[in-house]
Amino acid sequence: TGTAGVTGTAGTTGVGGTTGAAGT
Protein backbone atom coordinates (compact mmCIF):
# COMPACT_ATOMS: atom_id res chain seq x y z
CA THR A 1 0.00 0.00 0.00
CA GLY A 2 2.92 2.33 0.33
CA THR A 3 4.67 4.05 -2.47
CA ALA A 4 8.36 3.73 -2.50
CA GLY A 5 9.89 5.91 0.13
CA VAL A 6 6.84 8.09 0.43
CA THR A 7 4.67 6.54 3.08
CA GLY A 8 7.25 4.14 4.36
CA THR A 9 7.60 5.88 7.69
CA ALA A 10 6.25 3.03 9.77
CA GLY A 11 9.46 1.10 9.91
CA THR A 12 11.44 3.90 11.40
CA THR A 13 14.40 1.70 12.07
CA GLY A 14 13.95 -0.67 9.18
CA VAL A 15 16.80 0.68 7.12
CA GLY A 16 17.77 -1.63 4.30
CA GLY A 17 20.80 -3.77 4.93
CA THR A 18 23.78 -3.02 2.80
CA THR A 19 23.65 -6.47 1.35
CA GLY A 20 19.97 -6.33 0.66
CA ALA A 21 19.27 -9.63 2.37
CA ALA A 22 15.74 -10.37 3.37
CA GLY A 23 15.12 -10.25 7.09
CA THR A 24 15.01 -13.58 8.80
PDB file of all heavy atoms in Angstrom:
ATOM      1  N   THR A   1       0.813  -1.212   0.000  1.00  0.00           N
ATOM      2  CA  THR A   1       0.000   0.000   0.000  1.00  0.00           C
ATOM      3  C   THR A   1       0.849   1.266   0.000  1.00  0.00           C
ATOM      4  O   THR A   1       0.338   2.346  -0.210  1.00  0.00           O
ATOM      5  CB  THR A   1      -0.922   0.037   1.217  1.00  0.00           C
ATOM      6  OG1 THR A   1      -0.126  -0.018   2.398  1.00  0.00           O
ATOM      7  CG2 THR A   1      -1.865  -1.137   1.223  1.00  0.00           C
ATOM      8  N   GLY A   2       2.101   1.123   0.247  1.00  0.00           N
ATOM      9  CA  GLY A   2       2.921   2.327   0.327  1.00  0.00           C
ATOM     10  C   GLY A   2       3.720   2.549  -0.947  1.00  0.00           C
ATOM     11  O   GLY A   2       4.236   1.616  -1.520  1.00  0.00           O
ATOM     12  N   THR A   3       3.806   3.745  -1.342  1.00  0.00           N
ATOM     13  CA  THR A   3       4.673   4.051  -2.475  1.00  0.00           C
ATOM     14  C   THR A   3       6.091   4.123  -1.979  1.00  0.00           C
ATOM     15  O   THR A   3       6.349   4.405  -0.816  1.00  0.00           O
ATOM     16  CB  THR A   3       4.292   5.391  -3.120  1.00  0.00           C
ATOM     17  OG1 THR A   3       4.364   6.398  -2.110  1.00  0.00           O
ATOM     18  CG2 THR A   3       2.895   5.350  -3.686  1.00  0.00           C
ATOM     19  N   ALA A   4       6.952   3.854  -2.895  1.00  0.00           N
ATOM     20  CA  ALA A   4       8.357   3.729  -2.499  1.00  0.00           C
ATOM     21  C   ALA A   4       8.811   4.990  -1.803  1.00  0.00           C
ATOM     22  O   ALA A   4       8.781   6.074  -2.360  1.00  0.00           O
ATOM     23  CB  ALA A   4       9.215   3.477  -3.734  1.00  0.00           C
ATOM     24  N   GLY A   5       9.269   4.822  -0.614  1.00  0.00           N
ATOM     25  CA  GLY A   5       9.895   5.908   0.128  1.00  0.00           C
ATOM     26  C   GLY A   5       8.995   7.062   0.452  1.00  0.00           C
ATOM     27  O   GLY A   5       9.475   8.073   0.927  1.00  0.00           O
ATOM     28  N   VAL A   6       7.712   6.939   0.192  1.00  0.00           N
ATOM     29  CA  VAL A   6       6.840   8.087   0.432  1.00  0.00           C
ATOM     30  C   VAL A   6       6.083   7.904   1.753  1.00  0.00           C
ATOM     31  O   VAL A   6       6.116   8.741   2.634  1.00  0.00           O
ATOM     32  CB  VAL A   6       5.855   8.268  -0.727  1.00  0.00           C
ATOM     33  CG1 VAL A   6       4.898   9.427  -0.444  1.00  0.00           C
ATOM     34  CG2 VAL A   6       6.627   8.507  -2.002  1.00  0.00           C
ATOM     35  N   THR A   7       5.417   6.778   1.841  1.00  0.00           N
ATOM     36  CA  THR A   7       4.666   6.537   3.083  1.00  0.00           C
ATOM     37  C   THR A   7       5.349   5.515   3.960  1.00  0.00           C
ATOM     38  O   THR A   7       4.780   5.046   4.921  1.00  0.00           O
ATOM     39  CB  THR A   7       3.256   6.037   2.750  1.00  0.00           C
ATOM     40  OG1 THR A   7       3.367   4.812   2.027  1.00  0.00           O
ATOM     41  CG2 THR A   7       2.495   7.031   1.941  1.00  0.00           C
ATOM     42  N   GLY A   8       6.566   5.183   3.581  1.00  0.00           N
ATOM     43  CA  GLY A   8       7.248   4.141   4.356  1.00  0.00           C
ATOM     44  C   GLY A   8       7.863   4.664   5.631  1.00  0.00           C
ATOM     45  O   GLY A   8       9.020   4.441   5.876  1.00  0.00           O
ATOM     46  N   THR A   9       7.091   5.350   6.424  1.00  0.00           N
ATOM     47  CA  THR A   9       7.601   5.883   7.688  1.00  0.00           C
ATOM     48  C   THR A   9       7.382   4.940   8.858  1.00  0.00           C
ATOM     49  O   THR A   9       7.909   5.150   9.926  1.00  0.00           O
ATOM     50  CB  THR A   9       6.908   7.213   7.999  1.00  0.00           C
ATOM     51  OG1 THR A   9       5.495   6.976   8.059  1.00  0.00           O
ATOM     52  CG2 THR A   9       7.193   8.233   6.936  1.00  0.00           C
ATOM     53  N   ALA A  10       6.580   3.905   8.639  1.00  0.00           N
ATOM     54  CA  ALA A  10       6.252   3.027   9.770  1.00  0.00           C
ATOM     55  C   ALA A  10       7.488   2.348  10.303  1.00  0.00           C
ATOM     56  O   ALA A  10       7.725   2.308  11.490  1.00  0.00           O
ATOM     57  CB  ALA A  10       5.233   1.992   9.334  1.00  0.00           C
ATOM     58  N   GLY A  11       8.283   1.794   9.419  1.00  0.00           N
ATOM     59  CA  GLY A  11       9.462   1.101   9.913  1.00  0.00           C
ATOM     60  C   GLY A  11      10.584   2.086  10.144  1.00  0.00           C
ATOM     61  O   GLY A  11      11.510   2.184   9.359  1.00  0.00           O
ATOM     62  N   THR A  12      10.502   2.804  11.188  1.00  0.00           N
ATOM     63  CA  THR A  12      11.441   3.899  11.397  1.00  0.00           C
ATOM     64  C   THR A  12      12.867   3.415  11.519  1.00  0.00           C
ATOM     65  O   THR A  12      13.801   4.139  11.215  1.00  0.00           O
ATOM     66  CB  THR A  12      11.083   4.682  12.665  1.00  0.00           C
ATOM     67  OG1 THR A  12      11.039   3.771  13.759  1.00  0.00           O
ATOM     68  CG2 THR A  12       9.746   5.352  12.510  1.00  0.00           C
ATOM     69  N   THR A  13      13.038   2.192  11.973  1.00  0.00           N
ATOM     70  CA  THR A  13      14.403   1.699  12.073  1.00  0.00           C
ATOM     71  C   THR A  13      14.690   0.613  11.051  1.00  0.00           C
ATOM     72  O   THR A  13      15.726  -0.015  11.092  1.00  0.00           O
ATOM     73  CB  THR A  13      14.663   1.127  13.472  1.00  0.00           C
ATOM     74  OG1 THR A  13      13.751   0.057  13.722  1.00  0.00           O
ATOM     75  CG2 THR A  13      14.446   2.194  14.524  1.00  0.00           C
ATOM     76  N   GLY A  14      13.773   0.410  10.154  1.00  0.00           N
ATOM     77  CA  GLY A  14      13.952  -0.669   9.182  1.00  0.00           C
ATOM     78  C   GLY A  14      14.778  -0.263   7.988  1.00  0.00           C
ATOM     79  O   GLY A  14      14.356  -0.427   6.860  1.00  0.00           O
ATOM     80  N   VAL A  15      15.921   0.275   8.221  1.00  0.00           N
ATOM     81  CA  VAL A  15      16.800   0.684   7.118  1.00  0.00           C
ATOM     82  C   VAL A  15      17.300  -0.543   6.388  1.00  0.00           C
ATOM     83  O   VAL A  15      17.652  -1.546   7.009  1.00  0.00           O
ATOM     84  CB  VAL A  15      17.990   1.495   7.656  1.00  0.00           C
ATOM     85  CG1 VAL A  15      18.906   1.926   6.539  1.00  0.00           C
ATOM     86  CG2 VAL A  15      17.462   2.690   8.431  1.00  0.00           C
ATOM     87  N   GLY A  16      17.337  -0.487   5.089  1.00  0.00           N
ATOM     88  CA  GLY A  16      17.774  -1.633   4.301  1.00  0.00           C
ATOM     89  C   GLY A  16      19.199  -2.027   4.611  1.00  0.00           C
ATOM     90  O   GLY A  16      20.064  -1.183   4.751  1.00  0.00           O
ATOM     91  N   GLY A  17      19.430  -3.290   4.728  1.00  0.00           N
ATOM     92  CA  GLY A  17      20.797  -3.772   4.935  1.00  0.00           C
ATOM     93  C   GLY A  17      21.651  -3.507   3.695  1.00  0.00           C
ATOM     94  O   GLY A  17      21.152  -3.497   2.595  1.00  0.00           O
ATOM     95  N   THR A  18      22.895  -3.358   3.920  1.00  0.00           N
ATOM     96  CA  THR A  18      23.778  -3.024   2.800  1.00  0.00           C
ATOM     97  C   THR A  18      23.861  -4.157   1.816  1.00  0.00           C
ATOM     98  O   THR A  18      24.186  -3.949   0.663  1.00  0.00           O
ATOM     99  CB  THR A  18      25.185  -2.703   3.316  1.00  0.00           C
ATOM    100  OG1 THR A  18      25.661  -3.812   4.068  1.00  0.00           O
ATOM    101  CG2 THR A  18      25.154  -1.474   4.197  1.00  0.00           C
ATOM    102  N   THR A  19      23.583  -5.360   2.284  1.00  0.00           N
ATOM    103  CA  THR A  19      23.652  -6.473   1.350  1.00  0.00           C
ATOM    104  C   THR A  19      22.289  -6.847   0.821  1.00  0.00           C
ATOM    105  O   THR A  19      22.162  -7.775   0.058  1.00  0.00           O
ATOM    106  CB  THR A  19      24.264  -7.704   2.031  1.00  0.00           C
ATOM    107  OG1 THR A  19      23.447  -8.071   3.129  1.00  0.00           O
ATOM    108  CG2 THR A  19      25.658  -7.398   2.553  1.00  0.00           C
ATOM    109  N   GLY A  20      21.301  -6.124   1.225  1.00  0.00           N
ATOM    110  CA  GLY A  20      19.971  -6.334   0.664  1.00  0.00           C
ATOM    111  C   GLY A  20      19.369  -7.669   0.988  1.00  0.00           C
ATOM    112  O   GLY A  20      18.514  -8.136   0.258  1.00  0.00           O
ATOM    113  N   ALA A  21      19.851  -8.314   2.054  1.00  0.00           N
ATOM    114  CA  ALA A  21      19.272  -9.626   2.366  1.00  0.00           C
ATOM    115  C   ALA A  21      17.909  -9.461   3.028  1.00  0.00           C
ATOM    116  O   ALA A  21      17.649  -8.506   3.734  1.00  0.00           O
ATOM    117  CB  ALA A  21      20.199 -10.369   3.320  1.00  0.00           C
ATOM    118  N   ALA A  22      17.068 -10.403   2.742  1.00  0.00           N
ATOM    119  CA  ALA A  22      15.740 -10.372   3.366  1.00  0.00           C
ATOM    120  C   ALA A  22      15.868 -10.646   4.864  1.00  0.00           C
ATOM    121  O   ALA A  22      16.695 -11.430   5.286  1.00  0.00           O
ATOM    122  CB  ALA A  22      14.843 -11.422   2.727  1.00  0.00           C
ATOM    123  N   GLY A  23      15.057 -10.028   5.639  1.00  0.00           N
ATOM    124  CA  GLY A  23      15.119 -10.248   7.087  1.00  0.00           C
ATOM    125  C   GLY A  23      14.656 -11.635   7.458  1.00  0.00           C
ATOM    126  O   GLY A  23      13.683 -12.143   6.936  1.00  0.00           O
ATOM    127  N   THR A  24      15.396 -12.217   8.394  1.00  0.00           N
ATOM    128  CA  THR A  24      15.009 -13.576   8.802  1.00  0.00           C
ATOM    129  C   THR A  24      13.701 -13.588   9.565  1.00  0.00           C
ATOM    130  O   THR A  24      13.043 -14.599   9.659  1.00  0.00           O
ATOM    131  CB  THR A  24      16.102 -14.195   9.691  1.00  0.00           C
ATOM    132  OG1 THR A  24      16.287 -13.363  10.837  1.00  0.00           O
ATOM    133  CG2 THR A  24      17.397 -14.307   8.945  1.00  0.00           C
TER     134      THR A  24
END
